[in-house]
């Protein structure tokens, strides 16, 4: 709970109380100057989250090292605002430098070029595999799609198709053999075997 006398205390008196580890004094300083410090941090950083962190850091430093404030050099508000501004500018400069380093790195170490030829080959291969499904009967295609593309077990495929499990296994085996023959015939592979 806030000490009644702290509301009327001068900023210099509050800093003395902070030096004596009175957290209520820090709370009163924050009540008086926190909004102004936050507003300045947001204006410089253009990021509310970073501004919140920075203001928390500035008030924590005041808690940890209150002797840094010298009332002979100016008001506590001026001290806090100068600290917030200085720290915010440092963060902006640091972020700008980091982006500059990343940009230089990308210029000096570019990503490998897009391999258009490989993309065309892969698309052609995918189209040929899709076309190979045309050799299958509808029953074989549905069973293979459920088992291999849908990730279902033979038993689950049988339930989904309302067919005996042996019939489903047979359709899958025959369909895979016909797919293999079609792929070999189209030149895609010569060694694809059933598992």
Protein backbone atom coordinates (compact mmCIF):
# COMPACT_ATOMS: atom_id res chain seq x y z
CA UNK A 1 0.00 0.00 0.00
CA UNK A 2 1.22 3.50 -0.89
CA UNK A 3 2.59 5.61 1.95
CA UNK A 4 0.40 8.71 2.28
CA UNK A 5 3.46 10.93 2.57
CA UNK A 6 4.99 9.69 -0.69
CA UNK A 7 2.32 11.38 -2.80
CA UNK A 8 3.44 14.75 -1.47
CA UNK A 9 7.17 13.96 -1.46
CA UNK A 10 9.54 15.63 -3.90
CA UNK A 11 11.16 13.55 -6.63
CA UNK A 12 14.52 13.92 -4.89
CA UNK A 13 13.02 12.56 -1.66
CA UNK A 14 11.55 9.63 -3.57
CA UNK A 15 14.95 8.76 -5.02
CA UNK A 16 16.38 8.79 -1.47
CA UNK A 17 13.56 6.42 -0.44
CA UNK A 18 14.35 4.19 -3.44
CA UNK A 19 17.97 4.06 -2.27
CA UNK A 20 16.60 2.73 1.03
CA UNK A 21 14.78 -0.03 -0.91
CA UNK A 22 11.28 1.37 -0.49
CA UNK A 23 9.44 -0.09 -3.44
CA UNK A 24 6.47 2.18 -2.77
CA UNK A 25 8.72 5.11 -3.65
CA UNK A 26 9.55 3.52 -7.00
CA UNK A 27 5.84 2.94 -7.60
CA UNK A 28 5.17 6.65 -6.93
CA UNK A 29 7.95 7.69 -9.33
CA UNK A 30 6.45 5.40 -11.96
CA UNK A 31 2.97 6.81 -11.32
CA UNK A 32 4.32 10.32 -11.88
CA UNK A 33 6.62 9.74 -14.83
CA UNK A 34 5.83 6.32 -16.35
CA UNK A 35 3.31 7.56 -18.93
CA UNK A 36 5.59 10.30 -20.21
CA UNK A 37 8.53 7.86 -20.42
CA UNK A 38 6.39 5.32 -22.26
CA UNK A 39 5.07 7.93 -24.68
CA UNK A 40 8.58 9.03 -25.57
CA UNK A 41 9.74 5.43 -26.02
CA UNK A 42 6.83 4.67 -28.35
CA UNK A 43 7.54 7.79 -30.43
CA UNK A 44 11.19 6.85 -30.88
CA UNK A 45 10.81 3.08 -31.29
CA UNK A 46 7.42 2.92 -33.05
CA UNK A 47 6.81 -0.35 -31.20
CA UNK A 48 4.69 -0.55 -28.05
CA UNK A 49 6.14 -3.85 -26.84
CA UNK A 50 9.74 -2.65 -27.15
CA UNK A 51 8.73 0.63 -25.50
CA UNK A 52 7.23 -1.23 -22.53
CA UNK A 53 10.40 -3.28 -22.12
CA UNK A 54 12.62 -0.21 -22.37
CA UNK A 55 10.63 1.76 -19.77
CA UNK A 56 10.70 -1.23 -17.43
CA UNK A 57 14.47 -1.45 -17.92
CA UNK A 58 14.93 2.29 -17.16
CA UNK A 59 12.90 2.12 -13.94
CA UNK A 60 14.69 -1.08 -12.91
CA UNK A 61 18.04 0.72 -13.36
CA UNK A 62 16.74 3.54 -11.16
CA UNK A 63 15.86 0.92 -8.52
CA UNK A 64 19.25 -0.78 -8.79
CA UNK A 65 21.36 2.38 -8.98
CA UNK A 66 19.44 5.43 -7.70
CA UNK A 67 22.71 7.31 -7.11
CA UNK A 68 22.94 7.89 -10.87
CA UNK A 69 20.28 10.60 -10.49
CA UNK A 70 21.85 13.90 -9.43
CA UNK A 71 19.19 16.47 -8.42
CA UNK A 72 21.77 19.25 -8.90
CA UNK A 73 21.83 18.48 -12.64
CA UNK A 74 18.08 18.63 -13.23
CA UNK A 75 14.69 17.15 -12.42
CA UNK A 76 13.99 13.45 -12.08
CA UNK A 77 11.59 13.66 -15.05
CA UNK A 78 14.34 15.15 -17.22
CA UNK A 79 16.76 12.43 -16.04
CA UNK A 80 14.27 9.64 -16.81
CA UNK A 81 13.31 11.12 -20.18
CA UNK A 82 16.95 11.55 -21.19
CA UNK A 83 17.67 7.96 -20.16
CA UNK A 84 14.65 6.63 -22.10
CA UNK A 85 15.56 8.69 -25.16
CA UNK A 86 19.20 7.63 -25.10
CA UNK A 87 18.34 3.96 -24.67
CA UNK A 88 15.65 4.11 -27.38
CA UNK A 89 18.03 5.73 -29.86
CA UNK A 90 20.60 3.04 -29.06
CA UNK A 91 18.00 0.36 -29.83
CA UNK A 92 17.05 2.02 -33.13
CA UNK A 93 20.71 2.29 -34.13
CA UNK A 94 21.36 -1.31 -33.11
CA UNK A 95 18.38 -2.55 -35.13
CA UNK A 96 19.45 -0.47 -38.13
CA UNK A 97 23.00 -1.84 -37.90
CA UNK A 98 21.67 -5.41 -37.61
CA UNK A 99 19.54 -4.94 -40.74
CA UNK A 100 22.54 -3.47 -42.54
CA UNK A 101 24.68 -6.48 -41.61
CA UNK A 102 21.96 -8.86 -42.80
CA UNK A 103 21.60 -6.97 -46.10
CA UNK A 104 25.38 -7.03 -46.65
CA UNK A 105 25.44 -10.75 -45.85
CA UNK A 106 22.69 -11.43 -48.39
CA UNK A 107 24.52 -9.40 -51.04
CA UNK A 108 27.80 -11.20 -50.38
CA UNK A 109 26.24 -14.64 -49.92
CA UNK A 110 23.21 -14.78 -52.20
CA UNK A 111 20.82 -17.67 -51.99
CA UNK A 112 21.33 -20.28 -54.73
CA UNK A 113 19.45 -19.33 -57.88
CA UNK A 114 16.10 -20.90 -58.48
CA UNK A 115 16.58 -24.03 -60.57
CA UNK A 116 13.94 -23.67 -63.27
CA UNK A 117 15.09 -26.74 -65.16
CA UNK A 118 14.74 -28.93 -62.08
CA UNK A 119 11.28 -27.47 -61.36
CA UNK A 120 10.14 -28.30 -64.92
CA UNK A 121 11.47 -31.86 -64.61
CA UNK A 122 9.72 -32.37 -61.27
CA UNK A 123 6.42 -31.00 -62.62
CA UNK A 124 6.68 -33.23 -65.70
CA UNK A 125 7.42 -36.23 -63.51
CA UNK A 126 4.45 -35.46 -61.24
CA UNK A 127 2.20 -35.14 -64.30
CA UNK A 128 3.38 -38.49 -65.67
CA UNK A 129 2.76 -40.17 -62.31
CA UNK A 130 -0.74 -38.62 -62.21
CA UNK A 131 -1.39 -39.82 -65.76
CA UNK A 132 -0.27 -43.32 -64.77
CA UNK A 133 -3.25 -43.49 -62.42
CA UNK A 134 -5.43 -43.55 -65.57
CA UNK A 135 -4.45 -47.20 -66.13
CA UNK A 136 -6.22 -48.14 -62.89
CA UNK A 137 -9.84 -49.13 -62.53
CA UNK A 138 -11.96 -46.90 -60.31
CA UNK A 139 -11.94 -49.57 -57.57
CA UNK A 140 -8.14 -49.93 -57.69
CA UNK A 141 -7.64 -46.14 -57.71
CA UNK A 142 -9.92 -45.58 -54.69
CA UNK A 143 -8.23 -48.37 -52.70
CA UNK A 144 -4.69 -47.13 -53.49
CA UNK A 145 -5.58 -43.49 -52.79
CA UNK A 146 -7.11 -44.39 -49.40
CA UNK A 147 -4.19 -46.65 -48.44
CA UNK A 148 -1.22 -44.68 -49.75
CA UNK A 149 -2.43 -41.09 -50.00
CA UNK A 150 -4.94 -41.24 -47.15
CA UNK A 151 -2.70 -43.21 -44.79
CA UNK A 152 -5.31 -45.85 -43.97
CA UNK A 153 -4.59 -49.50 -43.18
CA UNK A 154 -5.96 -52.24 -45.43
CA UNK A 155 -8.60 -53.01 -42.82
CA UNK A 156 -9.66 -49.33 -42.65
CA UNK A 157 -9.81 -49.14 -46.47
CA UNK A 158 -12.00 -52.26 -46.47
CA UNK A 159 -14.39 -50.65 -43.98
CA UNK A 160 -14.45 -47.35 -45.88
CA UNK A 161 -15.19 -49.10 -49.19
CA UNK A 162 -17.52 -51.65 -47.59
CA UNK A 163 -15.53 -54.47 -49.22
CA UNK A 164 -13.82 -57.60 -47.82
CA UNK A 165 -10.23 -56.98 -46.72
CA UNK A 166 -8.89 -59.67 -49.08
CA UNK A 167 -10.58 -57.97 -52.04
CA UNK A 168 -9.06 -54.61 -51.06
CA UNK A 169 -5.56 -56.13 -50.71
CA UNK A 170 -5.91 -57.78 -54.10
CA UNK A 171 -7.05 -54.54 -55.78
CA UNK A 172 -4.15 -52.65 -54.24
CA UNK A 173 -1.61 -55.31 -55.27
CA UNK A 174 -2.90 -55.50 -58.86
CA UNK A 175 -3.21 -51.70 -59.08
CA UNK A 176 0.36 -51.16 -57.84
CA UNK A 177 1.65 -53.68 -60.38
CA UNK A 178 -0.21 -51.86 -63.19
CA UNK A 179 1.12 -48.50 -61.93
CA UNK A 180 4.67 -49.88 -61.94
CA UNK A 181 4.32 -51.20 -65.47
CA UNK A 182 2.92 -47.85 -66.64
CA UNK A 183 5.77 -45.90 -65.02
CA UNK A 184 8.40 -48.23 -66.50
CA UNK A 185 6.75 -47.93 -69.91
CA UNK A 186 6.81 -44.11 -69.69
CA UNK A 187 10.54 -44.24 -68.81
CA UNK A 188 10.16 -42.77 -65.32
CA UNK A 189 11.70 -45.74 -63.59
CA UNK A 190 13.03 -49.16 -64.37
CA UNK A 191 13.43 -50.53 -60.86
CA UNK A 192 10.27 -49.59 -58.97
CA UNK A 193 9.02 -52.66 -57.17
CA UNK A 194 6.14 -53.44 -54.87
CA UNK A 195 6.80 -53.46 -51.17
